[in-house]
Amino acid sequence: DTGKALWSTDVGGKVMGGLLAVDGGFVVVTEDSTVRAFDLDRNPLWTRTVSGELYTTPVKTAENIIVAAIKGDNLLFGFSLTGNQEWVFKPAN
C-alpha cells in the first residue's frame, strides 16, 4: 500500500516487456532470447532459449504461453505451461 518494493529477483538478463502471471508463479522473457518461469517464491521452474531477441510481454492462452521474437528463425513460439515447446510460427517470405 506504500509503493515500496517487497522483493526483487535476478532473472538473468534485461527484461524489456512485462511479467506474465500464471497459476503459481510468473514467466519473464529477456532480451537475450531466454524464457524463464518462476514460482511465487521466485524459485526457477524452467528455462528455454529461442532464436531471436525478445522485447514483448509473453501472452497466456488456455493452454500455451506465447512468446514473440524478432531477428530470429521464427516469429512466435508456443510453450506449454510446464515449459515444453509445443509449436512455432514462421511467416511466409
Protein backbone atom coordinates (compact mmCIF):
# COMPACT_ATOMS: atom_id res chain seq x y z
CA ASP A 1 0.00 0.00 0.00
CA THR A 2 3.02 2.33 0.27
CA GLY A 3 4.50 1.50 -3.12
CA LYS A 4 7.69 0.20 -1.51
CA ALA A 5 9.17 -2.86 -3.22
CA LEU A 6 8.60 -6.04 -1.20
CA TRP A 7 11.03 -8.22 -3.14
CA SER A 8 13.12 -8.43 -6.29
CA THR A 9 14.83 -11.22 -8.17
CA ASP A 10 17.56 -11.60 -10.76
CA VAL A 11 16.09 -13.11 -13.92
CA GLY A 12 19.42 -13.35 -15.71
CA GLY A 13 19.09 -10.64 -18.33
CA LYS A 14 17.45 -7.42 -19.50
CA VAL A 15 13.65 -7.53 -19.30
CA MET A 16 12.10 -5.24 -21.90
CA GLY A 17 8.47 -6.37 -21.53
CA GLY A 18 6.35 -7.15 -18.51
CA LEU A 19 5.89 -10.25 -16.42
CA LEU A 20 3.20 -12.78 -17.27
CA ALA A 21 1.30 -14.01 -14.22
CA VAL A 22 0.43 -17.72 -14.36
CA ASP A 23 -1.06 -20.05 -11.75
CA GLY A 24 1.54 -20.44 -9.02
CA GLY A 25 4.12 -18.05 -10.48
CA PHE A 26 5.21 -15.86 -13.35
CA VAL A 27 7.01 -16.01 -16.71
CA VAL A 28 9.52 -13.46 -17.94
CA VAL A 29 11.45 -13.12 -21.21
CA THR A 30 14.83 -11.48 -21.52
CA GLU A 31 16.33 -9.64 -24.46
CA ASP A 32 18.95 -12.39 -24.88
CA SER A 33 16.35 -14.94 -26.12
CA THR A 34 15.55 -16.62 -22.80
CA VAL A 35 12.11 -17.54 -21.45
CA ARG A 36 12.04 -18.28 -17.71
CA ALA A 37 9.29 -19.38 -15.34
CA PHE A 38 9.42 -18.89 -11.57
CA ASP A 39 7.17 -19.94 -8.71
CA LEU A 40 5.75 -17.38 -6.28
CA ASP A 41 8.81 -17.77 -4.05
CA ARG A 42 10.97 -16.74 -7.06
CA ASN A 43 12.44 -20.23 -7.47
CA PRO A 44 13.19 -21.15 -11.11
CA LEU A 45 10.78 -23.69 -12.62
CA TRP A 46 12.06 -23.88 -16.19
CA THR A 47 14.22 -22.04 -18.71
CA ARG A 48 14.07 -22.17 -22.51
CA THR A 49 16.12 -20.40 -25.17
CA VAL A 50 14.69 -19.39 -28.54
CA SER A 51 16.21 -17.85 -31.65
CA GLY A 52 15.84 -14.10 -31.90
CA GLU A 53 15.51 -11.24 -29.48
CA LEU A 54 12.61 -10.88 -27.03
CA TYR A 55 11.19 -7.44 -26.26
CA THR A 56 7.50 -8.01 -25.51
CA THR A 57 5.47 -9.41 -22.64
CA PRO A 58 4.56 -13.08 -23.11
CA VAL A 59 0.85 -13.89 -23.51
CA LYS A 60 -1.10 -16.77 -21.98
CA THR A 61 -3.90 -18.67 -23.69
CA ALA A 62 -5.85 -21.52 -22.12
CA GLU A 63 -3.09 -23.99 -22.98
CA ASN A 64 0.01 -22.07 -24.05
CA ILE A 65 2.42 -19.29 -23.27
CA ILE A 66 3.14 -17.37 -26.47
CA VAL A 67 6.40 -15.51 -26.98
CA ALA A 68 7.12 -13.16 -29.90
CA ALA A 69 10.67 -12.74 -31.24
CA ILE A 70 12.42 -10.55 -33.77
CA LYS A 71 15.61 -11.20 -35.75
CA GLY A 72 15.25 -14.96 -35.33
CA ASP A 73 14.18 -18.03 -37.26
CA ASN A 74 10.55 -17.83 -36.09
CA LEU A 75 8.15 -15.05 -35.21
CA LEU A 76 6.15 -16.83 -32.48
CA PHE A 77 6.88 -19.66 -30.05
CA GLY A 78 4.23 -21.58 -28.13
CA PHE A 79 5.17 -23.25 -24.84
CA SER A 80 3.05 -25.44 -22.61
CA LEU A 81 2.53 -24.21 -19.06
CA THR A 82 5.25 -26.67 -18.00
CA GLY A 83 7.78 -25.21 -20.46
CA ASN A 84 7.65 -27.68 -23.34
CA GLN A 85 7.86 -26.02 -26.74
CA GLU A 86 4.63 -27.01 -28.49
CA TRP A 87 4.86 -25.09 -31.77
CA VAL A 88 6.50 -22.26 -33.71
CA PHE A 89 5.18 -19.88 -36.36
CA LYS A 90 7.34 -18.72 -39.24
CA PRO A 91 5.69 -16.26 -41.61
CA ALA A 92 5.91 -16.82 -45.35
CA ASN A 93 8.64 -14.90 -47.18
